[in-house]
PDB file of N, CA and C in Angstrom:
ATOM      1  N   UNK A   1      55.738 149.237 203.089  1.00  0.00           N
ATOM      2  CA  UNK A   1      54.435 150.007 202.583  1.00  0.00           C
ATOM      3  C   UNK A   1      53.762 148.358 202.906  1.00  0.00           C
ATOM      4  N   UNK A   2      52.601 148.542 203.501  1.00  0.00           N
ATOM      5  CA  UNK A   2      51.567 147.437 203.688  1.00  0.00           C
ATOM      6  C   UNK A   2      50.897 147.067 202.400  1.00  0.00           C
ATOM      7  N   UNK A   3      50.849 145.901 202.129  1.00  0.00           N
ATOM      8  CA  UNK A   3      49.961 145.711 200.771  1.00  0.00           C
ATOM      9  C   UNK A   3      48.982 144.650 201.149  1.00  0.00           C
ATOM     10  N   UNK A   4      47.974 144.668 200.222  1.00  0.00           N
ATOM     11  CA  UNK A   4      46.702 143.885 200.463  1.00  0.00           C
ATOM     12  C   UNK A   4      46.172 143.259 199.493  1.00  0.00           C
ATOM     13  N   UNK A   5      46.117 141.821 199.208  1.00  0.00           N
ATOM     14  CA  UNK A   5      46.013 141.220 198.109  1.00  0.00           C
ATOM     15  C   UNK A   5      44.257 141.290 197.910  1.00  0.00           C
ATOM     16  N   UNK A   6      44.072 140.799 196.274  1.00  0.00           N
ATOM     17  CA  UNK A   6      42.764 141.031 195.898  1.00  0.00           C
ATOM     18  C   UNK A   6      41.678 140.112 196.812  1.00  0.00           C
ATOM     19  N   UNK A   7      42.296 138.965 197.262  1.00  0.00           N
ATOM     20  CA  UNK A   7      41.247 138.016 198.118  1.00  0.00           C
ATOM     21  C   UNK A   7      40.887 138.620 199.396  1.00  0.00           C
ATOM     22  N   UNK A   8      41.974 139.389 200.088  1.00  0.00           N
ATOM     23  CA  UNK A   8      42.065 139.929 201.306  1.00  0.00           C
ATOM     24  C   UNK A   8      40.757 141.488 201.215  1.00  0.00           C
ATOM     25  N   UNK A   9      41.031 141.937 200.070  1.00  0.00           N
ATOM     26  CA  UNK A   9      40.324 143.195 199.717  1.00  0.00           C
ATOM     27  C   UNK A   9      38.885 143.039 199.576  1.00  0.00           C
ATOM     28  N   UNK A  10      38.501 141.877 198.818  1.00  0.00           N
ATOM     29  CA  UNK A  10      36.986 141.450 198.899  1.00  0.00           C
ATOM     30  C   UNK A  10      36.469 140.925 200.032  1.00  0.00           C
ATOM     31  N   UNK A  11      37.212 139.997 200.812  1.00  0.00           N
ATOM     32  CA  UNK A  11      36.951 139.460 202.119  1.00  0.00           C
ATOM     33  C   UNK A  11      36.644 140.982 203.097  1.00  0.00           C
ATOM     34  N   UNK A  12      37.247 141.897 203.443  1.00  0.00           N
ATOM     35  CA  UNK A  12      37.301 142.802 203.852  1.00  0.00           C
ATOM     36  C   UNK A  12      35.930 143.722 203.561  1.00  0.00           C
ATOM     37  N   UNK A  13      35.797 143.802 202.003  1.00  0.00           N
ATOM     38  CA  UNK A  13      34.407 144.529 201.667  1.00  0.00           C
ATOM     39  C   UNK A  13      33.206 143.747 202.177  1.00  0.00           C
ATOM     40  N   UNK A  14      33.382 142.352 202.085  1.00  0.00           N
ATOM     41  CA  UNK A  14      32.272 141.466 202.504  1.00  0.00           C
ATOM     42  C   UNK A  14      32.079 141.570 203.971  1.00  0.00           C
ATOM     43  N   UNK A  15      32.986 141.749 204.723  1.00  0.00           N
ATOM     44  CA  UNK A  15      32.582 142.015 205.972  1.00  0.00           C
ATOM     45  C   UNK A  15      31.960 143.377 206.477  1.00  0.00           C
ATOM     46  N   UNK A  16      32.644 144.336 205.734  1.00  0.00           N
ATOM     47  CA  UNK A  16      31.864 145.809 205.840  1.00  0.00           C
ATOM     48  C   UNK A  16      30.558 145.829 205.530  1.00  0.00           C
ATOM     49  N   UNK A  17      30.437 144.953 204.532  1.00  0.00           N
ATOM     50  CA  UNK A  17      28.577 145.036 203.996  1.00  0.00           C
ATOM     51  C   UNK A  17      27.761 144.267 205.098  1.00  0.00           C
ATOM     52  N   UNK A  18      28.405 143.044 205.895  1.00  0.00           N
ATOM     53  CA  UNK A  18      27.820 142.290 206.894  1.00  0.00           C
ATOM     54  C   UNK A  18      27.584 143.401 207.898  1.00  0.00           C
ATOM     55  N   UNK A  19      28.280 143.884 208.418  1.00  0.00           N
ATOM     56  CA  UNK A  19      28.484 144.885 209.494  1.00  0.00           C
ATOM     57  C   UNK A  19      27.371 146.083 209.124  1.00  0.00           C
ATOM     58  N   UNK A  20      27.126 146.675 208.331  1.00  0.00           N
ATOM     59  CA  UNK A  20      26.298 147.500 207.456  1.00  0.00           C
ATOM     60  C   UNK A  20      25.140 147.045 207.477  1.00  0.00           C
ATOM     61  N   UNK A  21      24.782 145.593 207.005  1.00  0.00           N
ATOM     62  CA  UNK A  21      23.632 145.126 206.886  1.00  0.00           C
ATOM     63  C   UNK A  21      23.045 145.047 208.470  1.00  0.00           C
ATOM     64  N   UNK A  22      23.805 144.577 209.418  1.00  0.00           N
ATOM     65  CA  UNK A  22      23.325 144.254 210.937  1.00  0.00           C
ATOM     66  C   UNK A  22      22.968 145.849 211.461  1.00  0.00           C
ATOM     67  N   UNK A  23      23.535 146.908 211.184  1.00  0.00           N
ATOM     68  CA  UNK A  23      23.486 148.016 211.532  1.00  0.00           C
ATOM     69  C   UNK A  23      22.127 148.656 211.171  1.00  0.00           C
ATOM     70  N   UNK A  24      21.928 148.144 209.703  1.00  0.00           N
ATOM     71  CA  UNK A  24      20.774 148.667 209.098  1.00  0.00           C
ATOM     72  C   UNK A  24      19.118 148.062 209.648  1.00  0.00           C
ATOM     73  N   UNK A  25      19.339 146.871 210.536  1.00  0.00           N
ATOM     74  CA  UNK A  25      18.513 146.039 210.827  1.00  0.00           C
ATOM     75  C   UNK A  25      17.223 146.895 211.544  1.00  0.00           C
ATOM     76  N   UNK A  26      16.095 147.025 211.088  1.00  0.00           N
ATOM     77  CA  UNK A  26      14.930 147.896 211.906  1.00  0.00           C
ATOM     78  C   UNK A  26      15.082 149.171 211.532  1.00  0.00           C
ATOM     79  N   UNK A  27      15.770 149.685 210.681  1.00  0.00           N
ATOM     80  CA  UNK A  27      15.714 151.045 210.444  1.00  0.00           C
ATOM     81  C   UNK A  27      14.648 151.244 209.080  1.00  0.00           C
ATOM     82  N   UNK A  28      14.199 152.488 209.180  1.00  0.00           N
ATOM     83  CA  UNK A  28      13.054 152.832 208.064  1.00  0.00           C
ATOM     84  C   UNK A  28      13.710 152.843 206.606  1.00  0.00           C
ATOM     85  N   UNK A  29      15.056 153.104 206.405  1.00  0.00           N
ATOM     86  CA  UNK A  29      15.309 153.324 205.002  1.00  0.00           C
ATOM     87  C   UNK A  29      16.372 152.110 204.941  1.00  0.00           C
ATOM     88  N   UNK A  30      16.097 151.490 203.889  1.00  0.00           N
ATOM     89  CA  UNK A  30      17.083 150.158 203.749  1.00  0.00           C
ATOM     90  C   UNK A  30      17.876 150.359 202.353  1.00  0.00           C
ATOM     91  N   UNK A  31      19.217 150.185 202.197  1.00  0.00           N
ATOM     92  CA  UNK A  31      19.945 150.275 201.315  1.00  0.00           C
ATOM     93  C   UNK A  31      20.153 148.873 200.448  1.00  0.00           C
ATOM     94  N   UNK A  32      19.982 148.957 198.999  1.00  0.00           N
ATOM     95  CA  UNK A  32      20.221 147.440 198.521  1.00  0.00           C
ATOM     96  C   UNK A  32      21.385 147.738 197.651  1.00  0.00           C
ATOM     97  N   UNK A  33      22.513 147.013 197.634  1.00  0.00           N
ATOM     98  CA  UNK A  33      23.702 147.327 196.631  1.00  0.00           C
ATOM     99  C   UNK A  33      23.457 146.767 195.414  1.00  0.00           C
ATOM    100  N   UNK A  34      23.038 147.434 194.366  1.00  0.00           N
ATOM    101  CA  UNK A  34      22.833 147.068 193.070  1.00  0.00           C
ATOM    102  C   UNK A  34      24.178 146.797 192.364  1.00  0.00           C
ATOM    103  N   UNK A  35      25.128 147.402 192.603  1.00  0.00           N
ATOM    104  CA  UNK A  35      26.255 146.999 191.872  1.00  0.00           C
ATOM    105  C   UNK A  35      27.892 147.640 192.786  1.00  0.00           C
ATOM    106  N   UNK A  36      28.669 146.497 192.457  1.00  0.00           N
ATOM    107  CA  UNK A  36      30.059 147.332 193.316  1.00  0.00           C
ATOM    108  C   UNK A  36      31.221 147.254 192.323  1.00  0.00           C
ATOM    109  N   UNK A  37      32.019 148.220 192.369  1.00  0.00           N
ATOM    110  CA  UNK A  37      33.035 148.240 191.567  1.00  0.00           C
ATOM    111  C   UNK A  37      34.199 148.315 192.138  1.00  0.00           C
ATOM    112  N   UNK A  38      34.894 147.501 192.012  1.00  0.00           N
ATOM    113  CA  UNK A  38      36.314 147.470 192.994  1.00  0.00           C
ATOM    114  C   UNK A  38      37.640 147.870 191.875  1.00  0.00           C
ATOM    115  N   UNK A  39      38.267 148.810 192.148  1.00  0.00           N
ATOM    116  CA  UNK A  39      39.441 149.232 191.067  1.00  0.00           C
ATOM    117  C   UNK A  39      40.746 149.273 192.000  1.00  0.00           C
ATOM    118  N   UNK A  40      41.713 148.425 191.662  1.00  0.00           N
ATOM    119  CA  UNK A  40      42.954 148.474 192.488  1.00  0.00           C
ATOM    120  C   UNK A  40      44.000 148.985 191.368  1.00  0.00           C
ATOM    121  N   UNK A  41      44.695 149.968 191.815  1.00  0.00           N
ATOM    122  CA  UNK A  41      45.472 150.387 190.890  1.00  0.00           C
ATOM    123  C   UNK A  41      46.953 150.090 191.633  1.00  0.00           C
ATOM    124  N   UNK A  42      48.143 149.863 190.629  1.00  0.00           N
ATOM    125  CA  UNK A  42      49.449 149.762 191.177  1.00  0.00           C
ATOM    126  C   UNK A  42      50.299 150.516 190.512  1.00  0.00           C
ATOM    127  N   UNK A  43      51.068 151.296 191.004  1.00  0.00           N
ATOM    128  CA  UNK A  43      52.008 152.194 190.376  1.00  0.00           C
ATOM    129  C   UNK A  43      53.366 152.149 190.789  1.00  0.00           C
ATOM    130  N   UNK A  44      54.231 151.772 189.789  1.00  0.00           N
ATOM    131  CA  UNK A  44      55.449 151.429 190.166  1.00  0.00           C
ATOM    132  C   UNK A  44      56.327 152.836 189.681  1.00  0.00           C
ATOM    133  N   UNK A  45      57.043 153.584 190.464  1.00  0.00           N
ATOM    134  CA  UNK A  45      58.039 154.351 190.011  1.00  0.00           C
ATOM    135  C   UNK A  45      59.466 154.522 190.152  1.00  0.00           C
ATOM    136  N   UNK A  46      60.314 154.759 189.207  1.00  0.00           N
ATOM    137  CA  UNK A  46      61.470 154.883 189.506  1.00  0.00           C
ATOM    138  C   UNK A  46      62.151 156.020 189.112  1.00  0.00           C
ATOM    139  N   UNK A  47      62.780 156.667 189.986  1.00  0.00           N
ATOM    140  CA  UNK A  47      63.375 158.245 189.486  1.00  0.00           C
ATOM    141  C   UNK A  47      64.762 158.305 190.080  1.00  0.00           C
ATOM    142  N   UNK A  48      65.617 158.911 189.340  1.00  0.00           N
ATOM    143  CA  UNK A  48      67.252 159.326 189.776  1.00  0.00           C
ATOM    144  C   UNK A  48      67.031 160.675 190.661  1.00  0.00           C
ATOM    145  N   UNK A  49      67.729 160.346 191.672  1.00  0.00           N
ATOM    146  CA  UNK A  49      68.080 161.702 192.642  1.00  0.00           C
ATOM    147  C   UNK A  49      69.479 161.750 193.003  1.00  0.00           C
ATOM    148  N   UNK A  50      69.908 162.842 193.009  1.00  0.00           N
ATOM    149  CA  UNK A  50      71.322 162.905 193.538  1.00  0.00           C
ATOM    150  C   UNK A  50      71.798 163.112 194.848  1.00  0.00           C
ATOM    151  N   UNK A  51      72.282 162.004 195.194  1.00  0.00           N
ATOM    152  CA  UNK A  51      72.576 161.858 196.679  1.00  0.00           C
ATOM    153  C   UNK A  51      73.989 162.116 196.938  1.00  0.00           C
ATOM    154  N   UNK A  52      74.995 161.312 196.109  1.00  0.00           N
ATOM    155  CA  UNK A  52      76.266 161.598 196.597  1.00  0.00           C
ATOM    156  C   UNK A  52      76.848 162.369 195.610  1.00  0.00           C
ATOM    157  N   UNK A  53      78.043 162.989 196.057  1.00  0.00           N
ATOM    158  CA  UNK A  53      78.678 164.002 194.926  1.00  0.00           C
ATOM    159  C   UNK A  53      80.273 163.726 195.054  1.00  0.00           C
ATOM    160  N   UNK A  54      80.942 163.886 194.009  1.00  0.00           N
ATOM    161  CA  UNK A  54      82.202 164.003 193.684  1.00  0.00           C
ATOM    162  C   UNK A  54      82.844 165.313 193.300  1.00  0.00           C
ATOM    163  N   UNK A  55      83.687 166.042 193.805  1.00  0.00           N
ATOM    164  CA  UNK A  55      84.130 167.221 193.419  1.00  0.00           C
ATOM    165  C   UNK A  55      85.672 167.233 193.012  1.00  0.00           C
ATOM    166  N   UNK A  56      85.911 167.695 191.711  1.00  0.00           N
ATOM    167  CA  UNK A  56      87.106 167.695 191.326  1.00  0.00           C
ATOM    168  C   UNK A  56      87.470 169.051 190.565  1.00  0.00           C
ATOM    169  N   UNK A  57      88.112 169.759 191.019  1.00  0.00           N
ATOM    170  CA  UNK A  57      88.261 171.081 190.793  1.00  0.00           C
ATOM    171  C   UNK A  57      86.956 171.983 190.811  1.00  0.00           C
ATOM    172  N   UNK A  58      86.601 172.621 189.428  1.00  0.00           N
ATOM    173  CA  UNK A  58      85.307 173.192 189.528  1.00  0.00           C
ATOM    174  C   UNK A  58      83.945 172.344 188.918  1.00  0.00           C
ATOM    175  N   UNK A  59      84.250 171.025 188.790  1.00  0.00           N
ATOM    176  CA  UNK A  59      83.436 170.259 188.308  1.00  0.00           C
ATOM    177  C   UNK A  59      82.767 169.158 189.665  1.00  0.00           C
ATOM    178  N   UNK A  60      81.349 169.424 189.420  1.00  0.00           N
ATOM    179  CA  UNK A  60      80.526 168.238 190.626  1.00  0.00           C
ATOM    180  C   UNK A  60      79.820 167.379 189.975  1.00  0.00           C
ATOM    181  N   UNK A  61      80.034 166.132 190.451  1.00  0.00           N
ATOM    182  CA  UNK A  61      79.294 165.079 189.614  1.00  0.00           C
ATOM    183  C   UNK A  61      78.510 164.604 190.728  1.00  0.00           C
ATOM    184  N   UNK A  62      77.310 164.318 190.738  1.00  0.00           N
ATOM    185  CA  UNK A  62      76.135 163.886 191.672  1.00  0.00           C
ATOM    186  C   UNK A  62      75.492 162.379 191.264  1.00  0.00           C
ATOM    187  N   UNK A  63      75.157 161.629 192.169  1.00  0.00           N
ATOM    188  CA  UNK A  63      74.815 160.331 191.414  1.00  0.00           C
ATOM    189  C   UNK A  63      73.823 159.738 192.793  1.00  0.00           C
ATOM    190  N   UNK A  64      72.752 158.876 192.606  1.00  0.00           N
ATOM    191  CA  UNK A  64      71.903 158.391 193.509  1.00  0.00           C
ATOM    192  C   UNK A  64      70.686 157.552 192.709  1.00  0.00           C
ATOM    193  N   UNK A  65      69.795 157.156 193.647  1.00  0.00           N
ATOM    194  CA  UNK A  65      68.649 156.455 192.932  1.00  0.00           C
ATOM    195  C   UNK A  65      67.613 156.551 194.146  1.00  0.00           C
ATOM    196  N   UNK A  66      66.363 155.914 193.477  1.00  0.00           N
ATOM    197  CA  UNK A  66      65.301 155.921 194.474  1.00  0.00           C
ATOM    198  C   UNK A  66      64.171 155.205 193.859  1.00  0.00           C
ATOM    199  N   UNK A  67      63.574 154.458 194.605  1.00  0.00           N
ATOM    200  CA  UNK A  67      62.376 153.642 193.964  1.00  0.00           C
ATOM    201  C   UNK A  67      61.305 153.807 194.998  1.00  0.00           C
ATOM    202  N   UNK A  68      60.170 153.647 194.427  1.00  0.00           N
ATOM    203  CA  UNK A  68      58.820 153.691 195.324  1.00  0.00           C
ATOM    204  C   UNK A  68      57.683 152.925 194.627  1.00  0.00           C
ATOM    205  N   UNK A  69      56.917 152.522 195.547  1.00  0.00           N
ATOM    206  CA  UNK A  69      55.636 151.773 194.965  1.00  0.00           C
ATOM    207  C   UNK A  69      54.420 152.453 195.685  1.00  0.00           C
ATOM    208  N   UNK A  70      53.430 152.679 194.653  1.00  0.00           N
ATOM    209  CA  UNK A  70      52.360 153.293 195.406  1.00  0.00           C
ATOM    210  C   UNK A  70      50.876 152.415 195.001  1.00  0.00           C
ATOM    211  N   UNK A  71      50.005 152.103 195.796  1.00  0.00           N
ATOM    212  CA  UNK A  71      48.980 151.139 195.792  1.00  0.00           C
ATOM    213  C   UNK A  71      47.707 152.017 195.992  1.00  0.00           C
ATOM    214  N   UNK A  72      46.617 151.801 195.177  1.00  0.00           N
ATOM    215  CA  UNK A  72      45.727 152.698 195.333  1.00  0.00           C
ATOM    216  C   UNK A  72      44.574 151.934 194.976  1.00  0.00           C
ATOM    217  N   UNK A  73      43.561 152.076 195.925  1.00  0.00           N
ATOM    218  CA  UNK A  73      42.336 151.192 196.128  1.00  0.00           C
ATOM    219  C   UNK A  73      40.847 152.167 196.015  1.00  0.00           C
ATOM    220  N   UNK A  74      39.925 151.972 194.992  1.00  0.00           N
ATOM    221  CA  UNK A  74      39.007 152.603 195.063  1.00  0.00           C
ATOM    222  C   UNK A  74      37.482 151.672 194.916  1.00  0.00           C
ATOM    223  N   UNK A  75      36.631 152.120 195.823  1.00  0.00           N
ATOM    224  CA  UNK A  75      35.303 151.288 195.763  1.00  0.00           C
ATOM    225  C   UNK A  75      34.340 152.009 195.299  1.00  0.00           C
ATOM    226  N   UNK A  76      33.504 151.787 194.431  1.00  0.00           N
ATOM    227  CA  UNK A  76      32.276 152.663 194.137  1.00  0.00           C
ATOM    228  C   UNK A  76      31.219 151.255 194.402  1.00  0.00           C
ATOM    229  N   UNK A  77      29.992 151.905 195.035  1.00  0.00           N
ATOM    230  CA  UNK A  77      28.886 151.088 195.505  1.00  0.00           C
ATOM    231  C   UNK A  77      27.777 151.823 195.000  1.00  0.00           C
ATOM    232  N   UNK A  78      26.974 151.268 193.985  1.00  0.00           N
ATOM    233  CA  UNK A  78      25.612 151.967 193.606  1.00  0.00           C
ATOM    234  C   UNK A  78      24.403 151.262 194.564  1.00  0.00           C
ATOM    235  N   UNK A  79      23.834 152.036 195.022  1.00  0.00           N
ATOM    236  CA  UNK A  79      22.899 151.778 196.163  1.00  0.00           C
ATOM    237  C   UNK A  79      21.518 152.080 195.620  1.00  0.00           C
ATOM    238  N   UNK A  80      20.566 151.200 195.902  1.00  0.00           N
ATOM    239  CA  UNK A  80      19.120 151.784 195.686  1.00  0.00           C
ATOM    240  C   UNK A  80      18.644 151.816 197.136  1.00  0.00           C
ATOM    241  N   UNK A  81      17.596 152.792 197.242  1.00  0.00           N
ATOM    242  CA  UNK A  81      17.015 153.166 198.521  1.00  0.00           C
ATOM    243  C   UNK A  81      15.673 152.993 198.775  1.00  0.00           C
ATOM    244  N   UNK A  82      15.261 152.144 199.706  1.00  0.00           N
ATOM    245  CA  UNK A  82      13.794 151.625 199.841  1.00  0.00           C
ATOM    246  C   UNK A  82      13.163 152.166 201.225  1.00  0.00           C
ATOM    247  N   UNK A  83      12.045 152.584 201.387  1.00  0.00           N
ATOM    248  CA  UNK A  83      11.293 152.871 202.214  1.00  0.00           C
ATOM    249  C   UNK A  83      10.510 152.001 203.104  1.00  0.00           C
ATOM    250  N   UNK A  84      11.037 151.421 204.060  1.00  0.00           N
ATOM    251  CA  UNK A  84      10.306 150.139 204.484  1.00  0.00           C
ATOM    252  C   UNK A  84       8.691 150.694 205.137  1.00  0.00           C
ATOM    253  N   UNK A  85       8.672 152.049 205.462  1.00  0.00           N
ATOM    254  CA  UNK A  85       7.227 152.404 206.158  1.00  0.00           C
ATOM    255  C   UNK A  85       6.421 152.555 205.040  1.00  0.00           C
ATOM    256  N   UNK A  86       6.961 152.788 203.810  1.00  0.00           N
ATOM    257  CA  UNK A  86       6.173 152.856 202.432  1.00  0.00           C
ATOM    258  C   UNK A  86       5.964 151.582 201.801  1.00  0.00           C
ATOM    259  N   UNK A  87       6.138 150.523 202.374  1.00  0.00           N
ATOM    260  CA  UNK A  87       5.861 148.979 201.800  1.00  0.00           C
ATOM    261  C   UNK A  87       7.104 148.673 200.780  1.00  0.00           C
ATOM    262  N   UNK A  88       8.404 149.630 200.965  1.00  0.00           N
ATOM    263  CA  UNK A  88       9.643 149.112 200.313  1.00  0.00           C
ATOM    264  C   UNK A  88       9.547 150.047 199.104  1.00  0.00           C
ATOM    265  N   UNK A  89       8.698 151.029 198.929  1.00  0.00           N
ATOM    266  CA  UNK A  89       8.864 152.022 197.706  1.00  0.00           C
ATOM    267  C   UNK A  89      10.248 152.794 197.805  1.00  0.00           C
ATOM    268  N   UNK A  90      10.298 153.664 196.823  1.00  0.00           N
ATOM    269  CA  UNK A  90      11.619 154.361 196.821  1.00  0.00           C
ATOM    270  C   UNK A  90      11.271 155.765 197.727  1.00  0.00           C
ATOM    271  N   UNK A  91      11.818 156.219 198.657  1.00  0.00           N
ATOM    272  CA  UNK A  91      11.631 157.234 199.695  1.00  0.00           C
ATOM    273  C   UNK A  91      10.997 158.621 198.785  1.00  0.00           C
ATOM    274  N   UNK A  92      10.192 159.331 199.101  1.00  0.00           N
ATOM    275  CA  UNK A  92      10.087 160.641 198.589  1.00  0.00           C
ATOM    276  C   UNK A  92      10.333 161.892 199.425  1.00  0.00           C
ATOM    277  N   UNK A  93      11.443 162.461 198.913  1.00  0.00           N
ATOM    278  CA  UNK A  93      12.015 163.518 199.842  1.00  0.00           C
ATOM    279  C   UNK A  93      11.276 164.784 199.260  1.00  0.00           C
ATOM    280  N   UNK A  94      10.608 166.019 199.982  1.00  0.00           N
ATOM    281  CA  UNK A  94       9.875 166.850 199.226  1.00  0.00           C
ATOM    282  C   UNK A  94       9.775 168.029 200.278  1.00  0.00           C
ATOM    283  N   UNK A  95       9.263 169.078 199.586  1.00  0.00           N
ATOM    284  CA  UNK A  95       9.081 170.360 200.525  1.00  0.00           C
ATOM    285  C   UNK A  95       7.813 170.764 199.982  1.00  0.00           C
ATOM    286  N   UNK A  96       6.849 171.486 200.907  1.00  0.00           N
ATOM    287  CA  UNK A  96       5.626 172.119 200.301  1.00  0.00           C
ATOM    288  C   UNK A  96       6.010 173.310 199.483  1.00  0.00           C
ATOM    289  N   UNK A  97       7.009 173.849 199.681  1.00  0.00           N
ATOM    290  CA  UNK A  97       7.358 175.207 198.685  1.00  0.00           C
ATOM    291  C   UNK A  97       8.095 174.662 197.417  1.00  0.00           C
ATOM    292  N   UNK A  98       7.833 175.000 196.558  1.00  0.00           N
ATOM    293  CA  UNK A  98       8.670 174.770 195.148  1.00  0.00           C
ATOM    294  C   UNK A  98       9.348 175.823 194.962  1.00  0.00           C
ATOM    295  N   UNK A  99      10.558 175.842 194.108  1.00  0.00           N
ATOM    296  CA  UNK A  99      11.429 176.798 193.544  1.00  0.00           C
ATOM    297  C   UNK A  99      12.819 176.136 194.104  1.00  0.00           C
ATOM    298  N   UNK A 100      13.994 176.772 193.524  1.00  0.00           N
ATOM    299  CA  UNK A 100      15.128 176.163 193.592  1.00  0.00           C
ATOM    300  C   UNK A 100      15.883 176.766 195.090  1.00  0.00           C
ATOM    301  N   UNK A 101      16.734 176.251 195.180  1.00  0.00           N
ATOM    302  CA  UNK A 101      17.598 176.648 196.868  1.00  0.00           C
ATOM    303  C   UNK A 101      17.932 178.485 196.837  1.00  0.00           C
ATOM    304  N   UNK A 102      18.384 178.849 195.439  1.00  0.00           N
ATOM    305  CA  UNK A 102      18.593 180.306 195.442  1.00  0.00           C
ATOM    306  C   UNK A 102      17.663 181.108 195.591  1.00  0.00           C
ATOM    307  N   UNK A 103      16.339 180.856 195.412  1.00  0.00           N
ATOM    308  CA  UNK A 103      15.308 181.810 195.164  1.00  0.00           C
ATOM    309  C   UNK A 103      15.121 182.134 196.734  1.00  0.00           C
ATOM    310  N   UNK A 104      14.518 183.370 196.958  1.00  0.00           N
ATOM    311  CA  UNK A 104      14.226 183.656 198.090  1.00  0.00           C
ATOM    312  C   UNK A 104      12.920 184.120 198.288  1.00  0.00           C
TER     313      UNK A 104
END
């Protein structure tokens, strides 16, 4: 199983943010990162599993073992949106008709 340490995970995030920043240059809508939350979970599991067996008369005995490791990474970014065409104000997304989507 491939593992990644905390320093490598943060550096990967930093590089992704640099790339997003470069791709957003000159775009009308800009996104600012207000908050970043990185959650790293490590779960170790041990469980028994019958792999071998010994048969003696009518009795059967099975033994074995299993070990697994699970790593989970979750990243949450809270973004603010700015409309550069409106002087950096928040964008206004609207429709000339009022009402909910379900109304016809």
